[in-house]
Amino acid sequence: PDHPAVRAALADLKAGKTLAPFVKDVDQ
């Protein structure tokens, strides 16, 4: 429950935002 990373992501989703991909490139 209430993991800070999940809490932040849920807040962005509630605001209608699109989340950035978890891995964007080969380095990551």
PDB file of all heavy atoms in Angstrom:
ATOM      1  N   PRO A   1       0.808  -1.223   0.000  1.00  0.00           N
ATOM      2  CA  PRO A   1       0.000   0.000   0.000  1.00  0.00           C
ATOM      3  C   PRO A   1       0.842   1.274   0.000  1.00  0.00           C
ATOM      4  O   PRO A   1       1.891   1.351   0.642  1.00  0.00           O
ATOM      5  CB  PRO A   1      -0.798  -0.108   1.307  1.00  0.00           C
ATOM      6  CG  PRO A   1      -0.712  -1.543   1.712  1.00  0.00           C
ATOM      7  CD  PRO A   1       0.603  -2.030   1.200  1.00  0.00           C
ATOM      8  N   ASP A   2       0.379   2.250  -0.754  1.00  0.00           N
ATOM      9  CA  ASP A   2       0.896   3.621  -0.692  1.00  0.00           C
ATOM     10  C   ASP A   2       2.385   3.723  -0.987  1.00  0.00           C
ATOM     11  O   ASP A   2       3.106   4.518  -0.385  1.00  0.00           O
ATOM     12  CB  ASP A   2       0.597   4.222   0.686  1.00  0.00           C
ATOM     13  CG  ASP A   2       0.543   5.749   0.654  1.00  0.00           C
ATOM     14  OD1 ASP A   2       0.098   6.304  -0.366  1.00  0.00           O
ATOM     15  OD2 ASP A   2       0.958   6.377   1.644  1.00  0.00           O
ATOM     16  N   HIS A   3       2.870   2.936  -1.938  1.00  0.00           N
ATOM     17  CA  HIS A   3       4.265   3.087  -2.346  1.00  0.00           C
ATOM     18  C   HIS A   3       4.425   4.446  -3.025  1.00  0.00           C
ATOM     19  O   HIS A   3       3.602   4.834  -3.867  1.00  0.00           O
ATOM     20  CB  HIS A   3       4.659   1.971  -3.307  1.00  0.00           C
ATOM     21  CG  HIS A   3       6.124   1.911  -3.582  1.00  0.00           C
ATOM     22  ND1 HIS A   3       6.768   2.820  -4.389  1.00  0.00           N
ATOM     23  CD2 HIS A   3       7.085   1.058  -3.138  1.00  0.00           C
ATOM     24  CE1 HIS A   3       8.053   2.529  -4.434  1.00  0.00           C
ATOM     25  NE2 HIS A   3       8.270   1.470  -3.679  1.00  0.00           N
ATOM     26  N   PRO A   4       5.462   5.221  -2.696  1.00  0.00           N
ATOM     27  CA  PRO A   4       5.568   6.588  -3.232  1.00  0.00           C
ATOM     28  C   PRO A   4       5.619   6.659  -4.751  1.00  0.00           C
ATOM     29  O   PRO A   4       5.038   7.582  -5.343  1.00  0.00           O
ATOM     30  CB  PRO A   4       6.854   7.129  -2.594  1.00  0.00           C
ATOM     31  CG  PRO A   4       7.550   5.955  -2.004  1.00  0.00           C
ATOM     32  CD  PRO A   4       6.514   4.937  -1.711  1.00  0.00           C
ATOM     33  N   ALA A   5       6.301   5.713  -5.405  1.00  0.00           N
ATOM     34  CA  ALA A   5       6.363   5.741  -6.867  1.00  0.00           C
ATOM     35  C   ALA A   5       4.987   5.472  -7.468  1.00  0.00           C
ATOM     36  O   ALA A   5       4.582   6.109  -8.456  1.00  0.00           O
ATOM     37  CB  ALA A   5       7.380   4.726  -7.377  1.00  0.00           C
ATOM     38  N   VAL A   6       4.260   4.541  -6.876  1.00  0.00           N
ATOM     39  CA  VAL A   6       2.911   4.224  -7.359  1.00  0.00           C
ATOM     40  C   VAL A   6       1.963   5.386  -7.067  1.00  0.00           C
ATOM     41  O   VAL A   6       1.125   5.757  -7.904  1.00  0.00           O
ATOM     42  CB  VAL A   6       2.410   2.920  -6.711  1.00  0.00           C
ATOM     43  CG1 VAL A   6       0.955   2.657  -7.069  1.00  0.00           C
ATOM     44  CG2 VAL A   6       3.289   1.757  -7.140  1.00  0.00           C
ATOM     45  N   ARG A   7       2.098   5.960  -5.903  1.00  0.00           N
ATOM     46  CA  ARG A   7       1.259   7.110  -5.532  1.00  0.00           C
ATOM     47  C   ARG A   7       1.425   8.253  -6.528  1.00  0.00           C
ATOM     48  O   ARG A   7       0.449   8.863  -6.968  1.00  0.00           O
ATOM     49  CB  ARG A   7       1.621   7.567  -4.116  1.00  0.00           C
ATOM     50  CG  ARG A   7       0.739   8.658  -3.563  1.00  0.00           C
ATOM     51  CD  ARG A   7       1.019   8.876  -2.091  1.00  0.00           C
ATOM     52  NE  ARG A   7       2.352   9.379  -1.849  1.00  0.00           N
ATOM     53  CZ  ARG A   7       3.224   8.866  -0.997  1.00  0.00           C
ATOM     54  NH1 ARG A   7       2.918   7.793  -0.309  1.00  0.00           N
ATOM     55  NH2 ARG A   7       4.406   9.402  -0.813  1.00  0.00           N
ATOM     56  N   ALA A   8       2.671   8.528  -6.913  1.00  0.00           N
ATOM     57  CA  ALA A   8       2.924   9.620  -7.868  1.00  0.00           C
ATOM     58  C   ALA A   8       2.347   9.290  -9.239  1.00  0.00           C
ATOM     59  O   ALA A   8       1.759  10.161  -9.909  1.00  0.00           O
ATOM     60  CB  ALA A   8       4.429   9.877  -7.965  1.00  0.00           C
ATOM     61  N   ALA A   9       2.507   8.045  -9.664  1.00  0.00           N
ATOM     62  CA  ALA A   9       1.973   7.650 -10.975  1.00  0.00           C
ATOM     63  C   ALA A   9       0.455   7.722 -10.999  1.00  0.00           C
ATOM     64  O   ALA A   9      -0.144   8.196 -11.975  1.00  0.00           O
ATOM     65  CB  ALA A   9       2.446   6.241 -11.321  1.00  0.00           C
ATOM     66  N   LEU A  10      -0.183   7.266  -9.934  1.00  0.00           N
ATOM     67  CA  LEU A  10      -1.641   7.328  -9.873  1.00  0.00           C
ATOM     68  C   LEU A  10      -2.136   8.766  -9.886  1.00  0.00           C
ATOM     69  O   LEU A  10      -3.179   9.066 -10.493  1.00  0.00           O
ATOM     70  CB  LEU A  10      -2.138   6.603  -8.622  1.00  0.00           C
ATOM     71  CG  LEU A  10      -2.123   5.075  -8.681  1.00  0.00           C
ATOM     72  CD1 LEU A  10      -2.430   4.474  -7.306  1.00  0.00           C
ATOM     73  CD2 LEU A  10      -3.122   4.556  -9.708  1.00  0.00           C
ATOM     74  N   ALA A  11      -1.398   9.655  -9.230  1.00  0.00           N
ATOM     75  CA  ALA A  11      -1.796  11.070  -9.251  1.00  0.00           C
ATOM     76  C   ALA A  11      -1.726  11.632 -10.670  1.00  0.00           C
ATOM     77  O   ALA A  11      -2.611  12.387 -11.097  1.00  0.00           O
ATOM     78  CB  ALA A  11      -0.897  11.874  -8.309  1.00  0.00           C
ATOM     79  N   ASP A  12      -0.690  11.276 -11.408  1.00  0.00           N
ATOM     80  CA  ASP A  12      -0.581  11.733 -12.795  1.00  0.00           C
ATOM     81  C   ASP A  12      -1.710  11.166 -13.655  1.00  0.00           C
ATOM     82  O   ASP A  12      -2.290  11.858 -14.496  1.00  0.00           O
ATOM     83  CB  ASP A  12       0.781  11.340 -13.379  1.00  0.00           C
ATOM     84  CG  ASP A  12       1.919  12.198 -12.849  1.00  0.00           C
ATOM     85  OD1 ASP A  12       1.643  13.271 -12.286  1.00  0.00           O
ATOM     86  OD2 ASP A  12       3.096  11.774 -12.992  1.00  0.00           O
ATOM     87  N   LEU A  13      -2.021   9.889 -13.460  1.00  0.00           N
ATOM     88  CA  LEU A  13      -3.102   9.279 -14.231  1.00  0.00           C
ATOM     89  C   LEU A  13      -4.438   9.938 -13.905  1.00  0.00           C
ATOM     90  O   LEU A  13      -5.263  10.188 -14.799  1.00  0.00           O
ATOM     91  CB  LEU A  13      -3.166   7.776 -13.940  1.00  0.00           C
ATOM     92  CG  LEU A  13      -2.027   6.927 -14.515  1.00  0.00           C
ATOM     93  CD1 LEU A  13      -2.086   5.512 -13.947  1.00  0.00           C
ATOM     94  CD2 LEU A  13      -2.083   6.885 -16.045  1.00  0.00           C
ATOM     95  N   LYS A  14      -4.652  10.228 -12.634  1.00  0.00           N
ATOM     96  CA  LYS A  14      -5.902  10.879 -12.234  1.00  0.00           C
ATOM     97  C   LYS A  14      -6.029  12.258 -12.866  1.00  0.00           C
ATOM     98  O   LYS A  14      -7.144  12.710 -13.181  1.00  0.00           O
ATOM     99  CB  LYS A  14      -5.959  10.991 -10.709  1.00  0.00           C
ATOM    100  CG  LYS A  14      -7.277  11.509 -10.176  1.00  0.00           C
ATOM    101  CD  LYS A  14      -7.303  11.492  -8.655  1.00  0.00           C
ATOM    102  CE  LYS A  14      -8.648  11.986  -8.126  1.00  0.00           C
ATOM    103  NZ  LYS A  14      -8.693  11.966  -6.636  1.00  0.00           N
ATOM    104  N   ALA A  15      -4.873  12.906 -13.068  1.00  0.00           N
ATOM    105  CA  ALA A  15      -4.874  14.238 -13.698  1.00  0.00           C
ATOM    106  C   ALA A  15      -4.982  14.154 -15.218  1.00  0.00           C
ATOM    107  O   ALA A  15      -4.937  15.182 -15.902  1.00  0.00           O
ATOM    108  CB  ALA A  15      -3.607  14.989 -13.302  1.00  0.00           C
ATOM    109  N   GLY A  16      -5.096  12.930 -15.747  1.00  0.00           N
ATOM    110  CA  GLY A  16      -5.247  12.767 -17.183  1.00  0.00           C
ATOM    111  C   GLY A  16      -3.956  12.768 -17.964  1.00  0.00           C
ATOM    112  O   GLY A  16      -3.968  12.851 -19.198  1.00  0.00           O
ATOM    113  N   LYS A  17      -2.830  12.655 -17.263  1.00  0.00           N
ATOM    114  CA  LYS A  17      -1.537  12.678 -17.942  1.00  0.00           C
ATOM    115  C   LYS A  17      -1.195  11.308 -18.511  1.00  0.00           C
ATOM    116  O   LYS A  17      -1.659  10.278 -18.007  1.00  0.00           O
ATOM    117  CB  LYS A  17      -0.428  13.117 -16.972  1.00  0.00           C
ATOM    118  CG  LYS A  17      -0.595  14.531 -16.434  1.00  0.00           C
ATOM    119  CD  LYS A  17       0.532  14.876 -15.466  1.00  0.00           C
ATOM    120  CE  LYS A  17       0.359  16.285 -14.897  1.00  0.00           C
ATOM    121  NZ  LYS A  17       1.453  16.611 -13.931  1.00  0.00           N
ATOM    122  N   THR A  18      -0.373  11.301 -19.542  1.00  0.00           N
ATOM    123  CA  THR A  18       0.175  10.063 -20.085  1.00  0.00           C
ATOM    124  C   THR A  18       1.542   9.821 -19.455  1.00  0.00           C
ATOM    125  O   THR A  18       2.397  10.712 -19.454  1.00  0.00           O
ATOM    126  CB  THR A  18       0.318  10.150 -21.615  1.00  0.00           C
ATOM    127  OG1 THR A  18      -0.978  10.328 -22.189  1.00  0.00           O
ATOM    128  CG2 THR A  18       0.951   8.887 -22.169  1.00  0.00           C
ATOM    129  N   LEU A  19       1.731   8.645 -18.921  1.00  0.00           N
ATOM    130  CA  LEU A  19       2.997   8.345 -18.253  1.00  0.00           C
ATOM    131  C   LEU A  19       4.093   8.069 -19.271  1.00  0.00           C
ATOM    132  O   LEU A  19       3.849   7.469 -20.320  1.00  0.00           O
ATOM    133  CB  LEU A  19       2.840   7.123 -17.346  1.00  0.00           C
ATOM    134  CG  LEU A  19       1.778   7.222 -16.253  1.00  0.00           C
ATOM    135  CD1 LEU A  19       1.751   5.929 -15.437  1.00  0.00           C
ATOM    136  CD2 LEU A  19       2.042   8.411 -15.327  1.00  0.00           C
ATOM    137  N   ALA A  20       5.308   8.514 -18.942  1.00  0.00           N
ATOM    138  CA  ALA A  20       6.454   8.251 -19.810  1.00  0.00           C
ATOM    139  C   ALA A  20       6.811   6.777 -19.772  1.00  0.00           C
ATOM    140  O   ALA A  20       6.610   6.108 -18.748  1.00  0.00           O
ATOM    141  CB  ALA A  20       7.651   9.080 -19.352  1.00  0.00           C
ATOM    142  N   PRO A  21       7.336   6.222 -20.857  1.00  0.00           N
ATOM    143  CA  PRO A  21       7.747   4.809 -20.840  1.00  0.00           C
ATOM    144  C   PRO A  21       8.778   4.553 -19.749  1.00  0.00           C
ATOM    145  O   PRO A  21       9.587   5.420 -19.411  1.00  0.00           O
ATOM    146  CB  PRO A  21       8.345   4.594 -22.232  1.00  0.00           C
ATOM    147  CG  PRO A  21       7.768   5.672 -23.073  1.00  0.00           C
ATOM    148  CD  PRO A  21       7.554   6.850 -22.167  1.00  0.00           C
ATOM    149  N   PHE A  22       8.744   3.361 -19.211  1.00  0.00           N
ATOM    150  CA  PHE A  22       9.672   2.979 -18.154  1.00  0.00           C
ATOM    151  C   PHE A  22      11.098   2.925 -18.677  1.00  0.00           C
ATOM    152  O   PHE A  22      12.042   3.351 -18.000  1.00  0.00           O
ATOM    153  CB  PHE A  22       9.249   1.609 -17.620  1.00  0.00           C
ATOM    154  CG  PHE A  22      10.025   1.122 -16.440  1.00  0.00           C
ATOM    155  CD1 PHE A  22       9.827   1.666 -15.190  1.00  0.00           C
ATOM    156  CD2 PHE A  22      10.957   0.109 -16.577  1.00  0.00           C
ATOM    157  CE1 PHE A  22      10.541   1.217 -14.093  1.00  0.00           C
ATOM    158  CE2 PHE A  22      11.671  -0.354 -15.489  1.00  0.00           C
ATOM    159  CZ  PHE A  22      11.460   0.198 -14.243  1.00  0.00           C
ATOM    160  N   VAL A  23      11.284   2.380 -19.862  1.00  0.00           N
ATOM    161  CA  VAL A  23      12.587   2.318 -20.524  1.00  0.00           C
ATOM    162  C   VAL A  23      12.450   3.001 -21.871  1.00  0.00           C
ATOM    163  O   VAL A  23      11.623   2.607 -22.687  1.00  0.00           O
ATOM    164  CB  VAL A  23      13.057   0.852 -20.699  1.00  0.00           C
ATOM    165  CG1 VAL A  23      14.220   0.771 -21.672  1.00  0.00           C
ATOM    166  CG2 VAL A  23      13.446   0.253 -19.359  1.00  0.00           C
ATOM    167  N   LYS A  24      13.270   4.025 -22.091  1.00  0.00           N
ATOM    168  CA  LYS A  24      13.146   4.823 -23.309  1.00  0.00           C
ATOM    169  C   LYS A  24      14.198   4.493 -24.355  1.00  0.00           C
ATOM    170  O   LYS A  24      14.030   4.836 -25.530  1.00  0.00           O
ATOM    171  CB  LYS A  24      13.243   6.315 -22.965  1.00  0.00           C
ATOM    172  CG  LYS A  24      12.258   6.811 -21.920  1.00  0.00           C
ATOM    173  CD  LYS A  24      12.461   8.307 -21.673  1.00  0.00           C
ATOM    174  CE  LYS A  24      11.638   8.792 -20.495  1.00  0.00           C
ATOM    175  NZ  LYS A  24      12.116   8.259 -19.199  1.00  0.00           N
ATOM    176  N   ASP A  25      15.320   3.879 -23.927  1.00  0.00           N
ATOM    177  CA  ASP A  25      16.406   3.649 -24.872  1.00  0.00           C
ATOM    178  C   ASP A  25      17.249   2.458 -24.435  1.00  0.00           C
ATOM    179  O   ASP A  25      16.974   1.820 -23.406  1.00  0.00           O
ATOM    180  CB  ASP A  25      17.275   4.908 -25.008  1.00  0.00           C
ATOM    181  CG  ASP A  25      17.822   5.411 -23.670  1.00  0.00           C
ATOM    182  OD1 ASP A  25      18.094   4.576 -22.782  1.00  0.00           O
ATOM    183  OD2 ASP A  25      17.982   6.642 -23.512  1.00  0.00           O
ATOM    184  N   VAL A  26      18.279   2.169 -25.216  1.00  0.00           N
ATOM    185  CA  VAL A  26      19.118   0.993 -24.956  1.00  0.00           C
ATOM    186  C   VAL A  26      19.881   1.130 -23.647  1.00  0.00           C
ATOM    187  O   VAL A  26      20.014   0.159 -22.885  1.00  0.00           O
ATOM    188  CB  VAL A  26      20.083   0.764 -26.140  1.00  0.00           C
ATOM    189  CG1 VAL A  26      21.119  -0.310 -25.794  1.00  0.00           C
ATOM    190  CG2 VAL A  26      19.298   0.365 -27.381  1.00  0.00           C
ATOM    191  N   ASP A  27      20.382   2.322 -23.358  1.00  0.00           N
ATOM    192  CA  ASP A  27      21.106   2.508 -22.100  1.00  0.00           C
ATOM    193  C   ASP A  27      20.242   2.114 -20.907  1.00  0.00           C
ATOM    194  O   ASP A  27      20.690   1.391 -19.999  1.00  0.00           O
ATOM    195  CB  ASP A  27      21.542   3.975 -21.951  1.00  0.00           C
ATOM    196  CG  ASP A  27      22.797   4.294 -22.739  1.00  0.00           C
ATOM    197  OD1 ASP A  27      23.229   3.449 -23.540  1.00  0.00           O
ATOM    198  OD2 ASP A  27      23.335   5.402 -22.562  1.00  0.00           O
ATOM    199  N   GLN A  28      19.002   2.599 -20.900  1.00  0.00           N
ATOM    200  CA  GLN A  28      18.127   2.292 -19.775  1.00  0.00           C
ATOM    201  C   GLN A  28      17.741   0.811 -19.754  1.00  0.00           C
ATOM    202  O   GLN A  28      17.593   0.221 -18.685  1.00  0.00           O
ATOM    203  CB  GLN A  28      16.871   3.163 -19.841  1.00  0.00           C
ATOM    204  CG  GLN A  28      17.135   4.627 -19.522  1.00  0.00           C
ATOM    205  CD  GLN A  28      15.850   5.440 -19.467  1.00  0.00           C
ATOM    206  OE1 GLN A  28      14.840   5.090 -20.076  1.00  0.00           O
ATOM    207  NE2 GLN A  28      15.889   6.545 -18.743  1.00  0.00           N
TER     208      GLN A  28
END
